[in-house]
All heavy atoms as atom14 arrays in JSON, in Angstrom:
{
  "sequence": "VYVYLLGQRPMKRGLPVQPGSIAQMVVGVCI",
  "atom14_mask": [
    [1, 1, 1, 1, 1, 1, 1, 0, 0, 0, 0, 0, 0, 0],
    [1, 1, 1, 1, 1, 1, 1, 1, 1, 1, 1, 1, 0, 0],
    [1, 1, 1, 1, 1, 1, 1, 0, 0, 0, 0, 0, 0, 0],
    [1, 1, 1, 1, 1, 1, 1, 1, 1, 1, 1, 1, 0, 0],
    [1, 1, 1, 1, 1, 1, 1, 1, 0, 0, 0, 0, 0, 0],
    [1, 1, 1, 1, 1, 1, 1, 1, 0, 0, 0, 0, 0, 0],
    [1, 1, 1, 1, 0, 0, 0, 0, 0, 0, 0, 0, 0, 0],
    [1, 1, 1, 1, 1, 1, 1, 1, 1, 0, 0, 0, 0, 0],
    [1, 1, 1, 1, 1, 1, 1, 1, 1, 1, 1, 0, 0, 0],
    [1, 1, 1, 1, 1, 1, 1, 0, 0, 0, 0, 0, 0, 0],
    [1, 1, 1, 1, 1, 1, 1, 1, 0, 0, 0, 0, 0, 0],
    [1, 1, 1, 1, 1, 1, 1, 1, 1, 0, 0, 0, 0, 0],
    [1, 1, 1, 1, 1, 1, 1, 1, 1, 1, 1, 0, 0, 0],
    [1, 1, 1, 1, 0, 0, 0, 0, 0, 0, 0, 0, 0, 0],
    [1, 1, 1, 1, 1, 1, 1, 1, 0, 0, 0, 0, 0, 0],
    [1, 1, 1, 1, 1, 1, 1, 0, 0, 0, 0, 0, 0, 0],
    [1, 1, 1, 1, 1, 1, 1, 0, 0, 0, 0, 0, 0, 0],
    [1, 1, 1, 1, 1, 1, 1, 1, 1, 0, 0, 0, 0, 0],
    [1, 1, 1, 1, 1, 1, 1, 0, 0, 0, 0, 0, 0, 0],
    [1, 1, 1, 1, 0, 0, 0, 0, 0, 0, 0, 0, 0, 0],
    [1, 1, 1, 1, 1, 1, 0, 0, 0, 0, 0, 0, 0, 0],
    [1, 1, 1, 1, 1, 1, 1, 1, 0, 0, 0, 0, 0, 0],
    [1, 1, 1, 1, 1, 0, 0, 0, 0, 0, 0, 0, 0, 0],
    [1, 1, 1, 1, 1, 1, 1, 1, 1, 0, 0, 0, 0, 0],
    [1, 1, 1, 1, 1, 1, 1, 1, 0, 0, 0, 0, 0, 0],
    [1, 1, 1, 1, 1, 1, 1, 0, 0, 0, 0, 0, 0, 0],
    [1, 1, 1, 1, 1, 1, 1, 0, 0, 0, 0, 0, 0, 0],
    [1, 1, 1, 1, 0, 0, 0, 0, 0, 0, 0, 0, 0, 0],
    [1, 1, 1, 1, 1, 1, 1, 0, 0, 0, 0, 0, 0, 0],
    [1, 1, 1, 1, 1, 1, 0, 0, 0, 0, 0, 0, 0, 0],
    [1, 1, 1, 1, 1, 1, 1, 1, 0, 0, 0, 0, 0, 0]
  ],
  "atom14_positions": [
    [[11.12, 14.43, -3.38], [12.4, 14.02, -3.83], [13.3, 13.41, -2.66], [13.92, 12.36, -2.81], [13.11, 15.18, -4.52], [14.61, 14.88, -4.73], [12.37, 15.63, -5.77], [0.0, 0.0, 0.0], [0.0, 0.0, 0.0], [0.0, 0.0, 0.0], [0.0, 0.0, 0.0], [0.0, 0.0, 0.0], [0.0, 0.0, 0.0], [0.0, 0.0, 0.0]],
    [[13.19, 14.06, -1.53], [13.96, 13.57, -0.42], [13.49, 12.15, 0.1], [14.32, 11.27, 0.29], [13.76, 14.57, 0.85], [14.48, 14.1, 2.07], [15.89, 14.21, 2.18], [13.78, 13.64, 3.16], [16.51, 13.85, 3.3], [14.4, 13.21, 4.33], [15.77, 13.36, 4.38], [16.44, 12.94, 5.52], [0.0, 0.0, 0.0], [0.0, 0.0, 0.0]],
    [[12.21, 11.97, 0.18], [11.65, 10.68, 0.49], [11.99, 9.63, -0.61], [12.43, 8.45, -0.22], [10.1, 10.72, 0.67], [9.54, 9.32, 0.83], [9.72, 11.6, 1.93], [0.0, 0.0, 0.0], [0.0, 0.0, 0.0], [0.0, 0.0, 0.0], [0.0, 0.0, 0.0], [0.0, 0.0, 0.0], [0.0, 0.0, 0.0], [0.0, 0.0, 0.0]],
    [[11.96, 9.97, -1.86], [12.35, 8.99, -2.94], [13.84, 8.64, -2.8], [14.24, 7.53, -2.9], [12.11, 9.73, -4.26], [12.58, 8.87, -5.42], [11.72, 7.89, -5.97], [13.81, 9.1, -6.09], [12.13, 7.05, -7.0], [14.18, 8.25, -7.15], [13.37, 7.32, -7.57], [13.7, 6.59, -8.62], [0.0, 0.0, 0.0], [0.0, 0.0, 0.0]],
    [[14.69, 9.66, -2.53], [16.09, 9.34, -2.42], [16.49, 8.51, -1.24], [17.42, 7.69, -1.24], [16.93, 10.69, -2.49], [17.0, 11.4, -3.8], [17.66, 12.73, -3.69], [17.53, 10.53, -4.96], [0.0, 0.0, 0.0], [0.0, 0.0, 0.0], [0.0, 0.0, 0.0], [0.0, 0.0, 0.0], [0.0, 0.0, 0.0], [0.0, 0.0, 0.0]],
    [[15.72, 8.74, -0.14], [15.96, 7.92, 1.03], [15.59, 6.45, 0.71], [16.14, 5.45, 1.23], [15.19, 8.42, 2.15], [15.76, 9.55, 2.99], [14.94, 9.95, 4.1], [17.15, 9.29, 3.36], [0.0, 0.0, 0.0], [0.0, 0.0, 0.0], [0.0, 0.0, 0.0], [0.0, 0.0, 0.0], [0.0, 0.0, 0.0], [0.0, 0.0, 0.0]],
    [[14.56, 6.2, -0.02], [14.15, 4.86, -0.45], [15.12, 4.2, -1.34], [15.21, 3.05, -1.39], [0.0, 0.0, 0.0], [0.0, 0.0, 0.0], [0.0, 0.0, 0.0], [0.0, 0.0, 0.0], [0.0, 0.0, 0.0], [0.0, 0.0, 0.0], [0.0, 0.0, 0.0], [0.0, 0.0, 0.0], [0.0, 0.0, 0.0], [0.0, 0.0, 0.0]],
    [[15.74, 5.08, -2.1], [16.71, 4.52, -3.19], [18.11, 4.22, -2.62], [18.89, 3.56, -3.18], [16.83, 5.49, -4.29], [17.43, 5.03, -5.62], [17.51, 6.07, -6.66], [17.5, 7.24, -6.41], [17.53, 5.57, -7.9], [0.0, 0.0, 0.0], [0.0, 0.0, 0.0], [0.0, 0.0, 0.0], [0.0, 0.0, 0.0], [0.0, 0.0, 0.0]],
    [[18.33, 4.77, -1.42], [19.65, 4.64, -0.86], [20.19, 3.2, -0.67], [21.31, 2.89, -0.97], [19.75, 5.46, 0.51], [21.1, 5.46, 1.06], [21.19, 6.21, 2.37], [20.95, 7.67, 2.13], [20.73, 8.5, 3.05], [20.76, 8.19, 4.34], [20.51, 9.78, 2.81], [0.0, 0.0, 0.0], [0.0, 0.0, 0.0], [0.0, 0.0, 0.0]],
    [[19.29, 2.31, -0.1], [19.86, 0.97, 0.05], [20.17, 0.25, -1.26], [21.08, -0.62, -1.36], [18.61, 0.19, 0.71], [17.81, 1.23, 1.28], [18.01, 2.53, 0.47], [0.0, 0.0, 0.0], [0.0, 0.0, 0.0], [0.0, 0.0, 0.0], [0.0, 0.0, 0.0], [0.0, 0.0, 0.0], [0.0, 0.0, 0.0], [0.0, 0.0, 0.0]],
    [[19.46, 0.61, -2.39], [19.77, -0.01, -3.63], [21.15, 0.47, -4.18], [21.81, -0.23, -4.83], [18.68, 0.37, -4.64], [17.33, -0.29, -4.32], [16.19, 0.0, -5.63], [14.89, 0.66, -4.6], [0.0, 0.0, 0.0], [0.0, 0.0, 0.0], [0.0, 0.0, 0.0], [0.0, 0.0, 0.0], [0.0, 0.0, 0.0], [0.0, 0.0, 0.0]],
    [[21.43, 1.73, -3.91], [22.75, 2.21, -4.35], [23.89, 1.59, -3.62], [24.96, 1.51, -4.15], [22.79, 3.77, -4.15], [22.03, 4.54, -5.16], [22.19, 5.99, -4.96], [21.51, 6.81, -6.04], [21.69, 8.23, -5.83], [0.0, 0.0, 0.0], [0.0, 0.0, 0.0], [0.0, 0.0, 0.0], [0.0, 0.0, 0.0], [0.0, 0.0, 0.0]],
    [[23.59, 1.17, -2.37], [24.64, 0.54, -1.57], [24.84, -0.96, -1.96], [25.74, -1.68, -1.43], [24.37, 0.6, -0.05], [24.47, 1.98, 0.34], [24.22, 2.1, 1.79], [24.3, 3.52, 2.26], [24.0, 3.93, 3.45], [23.46, 3.0, 4.34], [24.12, 5.18, 3.87], [0.0, 0.0, 0.0], [0.0, 0.0, 0.0], [0.0, 0.0, 0.0]],
    [[23.94, -1.48, -2.84], [24.09, -2.88, -3.26], [23.3, -3.86, -2.39], [23.45, -5.05, -2.59], [0.0, 0.0, 0.0], [0.0, 0.0, 0.0], [0.0, 0.0, 0.0], [0.0, 0.0, 0.0], [0.0, 0.0, 0.0], [0.0, 0.0, 0.0], [0.0, 0.0, 0.0], [0.0, 0.0, 0.0], [0.0, 0.0, 0.0], [0.0, 0.0, 0.0]],
    [[22.44, -3.39, -1.52], [21.64, -4.25, -0.66], [20.43, -4.75, -1.63], [20.04, -4.06, -2.52], [21.1, -3.55, 0.57], [22.23, -2.95, 1.51], [21.57, -2.05, 2.57], [22.89, -4.19, 2.09], [0.0, 0.0, 0.0], [0.0, 0.0, 0.0], [0.0, 0.0, 0.0], [0.0, 0.0, 0.0], [0.0, 0.0, 0.0], [0.0, 0.0, 0.0]],
    [[19.89, -5.94, -1.12], [18.8, -6.44, -1.96], [17.51, -5.59, -1.78], [17.4, -4.88, -0.76], [18.52, -7.8, -1.25], [19.14, -7.8, 0.06], [20.33, -6.79, -0.04], [0.0, 0.0, 0.0], [0.0, 0.0, 0.0], [0.0, 0.0, 0.0], [0.0, 0.0, 0.0], [0.0, 0.0, 0.0], [0.0, 0.0, 0.0], [0.0, 0.0, 0.0]],
    [[16.81, -5.57, -2.84], [15.63, -4.67, -2.86], [14.49, -5.31, -1.98], [14.25, -6.56, -2.01], [15.09, -4.58, -4.3], [13.78, -3.73, -4.38], [16.12, -4.06, -5.24], [0.0, 0.0, 0.0], [0.0, 0.0, 0.0], [0.0, 0.0, 0.0], [0.0, 0.0, 0.0], [0.0, 0.0, 0.0], [0.0, 0.0, 0.0], [0.0, 0.0, 0.0]],
    [[13.93, -4.38, -1.17], [12.88, -4.8, -0.24], [11.61, -4.08, -0.54], [11.69, -2.93, -1.0], [13.31, -4.6, 1.25], [14.52, -5.43, 1.64], [14.81, -5.23, 3.1], [14.23, -4.38, 3.77], [15.74, -5.99, 3.62], [0.0, 0.0, 0.0], [0.0, 0.0, 0.0], [0.0, 0.0, 0.0], [0.0, 0.0, 0.0], [0.0, 0.0, 0.0]],
    [[10.46, -4.63, -0.26], [9.16, -3.89, -0.53], [9.09, -2.64, 0.18], [8.43, -1.71, -0.32], [8.08, -4.93, -0.03], [8.78, -6.31, 0.02], [10.24, -6.02, 0.32], [0.0, 0.0, 0.0], [0.0, 0.0, 0.0], [0.0, 0.0, 0.0], [0.0, 0.0, 0.0], [0.0, 0.0, 0.0], [0.0, 0.0, 0.0], [0.0, 0.0, 0.0]],
    [[9.61, -2.55, 1.38], [9.57, -1.19, 2.14], [10.15, -0.06, 1.32], [9.68, 1.07, 1.32], [0.0, 0.0, 0.0], [0.0, 0.0, 0.0], [0.0, 0.0, 0.0], [0.0, 0.0, 0.0], [0.0, 0.0, 0.0], [0.0, 0.0, 0.0], [0.0, 0.0, 0.0], [0.0, 0.0, 0.0], [0.0, 0.0, 0.0], [0.0, 0.0, 0.0]],
    [[11.36, -0.36, 0.77], [12.06, 0.76, 0.05], [11.27, 1.06, -1.29], [11.21, 2.26, -1.64], [13.51, 0.35, -0.25], [13.57, -0.82, -1.02], [0.0, 0.0, 0.0], [0.0, 0.0, 0.0], [0.0, 0.0, 0.0], [0.0, 0.0, 0.0], [0.0, 0.0, 0.0], [0.0, 0.0, 0.0], [0.0, 0.0, 0.0], [0.0, 0.0, 0.0]],
    [[10.67, 0.04, -1.83], [9.9, 0.33, -3.11], [8.67, 1.17, -2.72], [8.32, 2.11, -3.43], [9.49, -0.98, -3.75], [10.61, -1.83, -4.19], [8.49, -0.67, -4.99], [11.32, -1.43, -5.32], [0.0, 0.0, 0.0], [0.0, 0.0, 0.0], [0.0, 0.0, 0.0], [0.0, 0.0, 0.0], [0.0, 0.0, 0.0], [0.0, 0.0, 0.0]],
    [[8.01, 0.87, -1.63], [6.82, 1.66, -1.14], [7.23, 3.03, -0.87], [6.53, 4.0, -1.1], [6.16, 0.89, 0.01], [0.0, 0.0, 0.0], [0.0, 0.0, 0.0], [0.0, 0.0, 0.0], [0.0, 0.0, 0.0], [0.0, 0.0, 0.0], [0.0, 0.0, 0.0], [0.0, 0.0, 0.0], [0.0, 0.0, 0.0], [0.0, 0.0, 0.0]],
    [[8.42, 3.21, -0.13], [8.9, 4.56, 0.17], [9.17, 5.4, -1.11], [8.85, 6.53, -1.12], [10.14, 4.39, 1.02], [10.59, 5.73, 1.55], [11.85, 5.58, 2.51], [12.26, 4.39, 2.75], [12.2, 6.63, 3.06], [0.0, 0.0, 0.0], [0.0, 0.0, 0.0], [0.0, 0.0, 0.0], [0.0, 0.0, 0.0], [0.0, 0.0, 0.0]],
    [[9.7, 4.75, -2.14], [9.92, 5.43, -3.39], [8.65, 5.9, -4.04], [8.51, 6.96, -4.59], [10.79, 4.62, -4.28], [12.22, 4.47, -3.8], [13.16, 3.19, -4.73], [13.05, 3.79, -6.4], [0.0, 0.0, 0.0], [0.0, 0.0, 0.0], [0.0, 0.0, 0.0], [0.0, 0.0, 0.0], [0.0, 0.0, 0.0], [0.0, 0.0, 0.0]],
    [[7.62, 5.01, -3.98], [6.33, 5.27, -4.59], [5.64, 6.49, -3.92], [5.15, 7.41, -4.47], [5.48, 4.07, -4.63], [4.0, 4.44, -4.99], [5.97, 3.03, -5.63], [0.0, 0.0, 0.0], [0.0, 0.0, 0.0], [0.0, 0.0, 0.0], [0.0, 0.0, 0.0], [0.0, 0.0, 0.0], [0.0, 0.0, 0.0], [0.0, 0.0, 0.0]],
    [[5.75, 6.51, -2.59], [5.19, 7.57, -1.7], [5.91, 8.92, -2.07], [5.37, 9.92, -2.18], [5.23, 7.27, -0.26], [5.0, 8.43, 0.58], [4.3, 6.11, 0.1], [0.0, 0.0, 0.0], [0.0, 0.0, 0.0], [0.0, 0.0, 0.0], [0.0, 0.0, 0.0], [0.0, 0.0, 0.0], [0.0, 0.0, 0.0], [0.0, 0.0, 0.0]],
    [[7.26, 8.82, -2.18], [7.98, 9.95, -2.57], [7.6, 10.52, -3.89], [7.42, 11.77, -4.06], [0.0, 0.0, 0.0], [0.0, 0.0, 0.0], [0.0, 0.0, 0.0], [0.0, 0.0, 0.0], [0.0, 0.0, 0.0], [0.0, 0.0, 0.0], [0.0, 0.0, 0.0], [0.0, 0.0, 0.0], [0.0, 0.0, 0.0], [0.0, 0.0, 0.0]],
    [[7.39, 9.72, -4.9], [6.92, 10.2, -6.21], [5.53, 10.82, -6.11], [5.25, 11.86, -6.72], [6.9, 9.01, -7.23], [6.27, 9.44, -8.48], [8.42, 8.62, -7.54], [0.0, 0.0, 0.0], [0.0, 0.0, 0.0], [0.0, 0.0, 0.0], [0.0, 0.0, 0.0], [0.0, 0.0, 0.0], [0.0, 0.0, 0.0], [0.0, 0.0, 0.0]],
    [[4.65, 10.24, -5.28], [3.33, 10.76, -5.14], [3.34, 12.15, -4.53], [2.62, 13.13, -4.89], [2.47, 9.83, -4.33], [2.09, 8.3, -5.15], [0.0, 0.0, 0.0], [0.0, 0.0, 0.0], [0.0, 0.0, 0.0], [0.0, 0.0, 0.0], [0.0, 0.0, 0.0], [0.0, 0.0, 0.0], [0.0, 0.0, 0.0], [0.0, 0.0, 0.0]],
    [[4.18, 12.34, -3.47], [4.32, 13.65, -2.8], [4.83, 14.66, -3.82], [4.4, 15.75, -3.87], [5.2, 13.54, -1.58], [4.49, 12.67, -0.5], [5.48, 14.85, -0.91], [5.36, 12.31, 0.68], [0.0, 0.0, 0.0], [0.0, 0.0, 0.0], [0.0, 0.0, 0.0], [0.0, 0.0, 0.0], [0.0, 0.0, 0.0], [0.0, 0.0, 0.0]]
  ]
}
């Protein structure tokens, strides 16, 4: 959950979505 939320943080701030944050969210869900 922590890794997922860290990947989601830039999207909440209105920054453009990047592949790194998407990959981080996927890894967080897997963990």
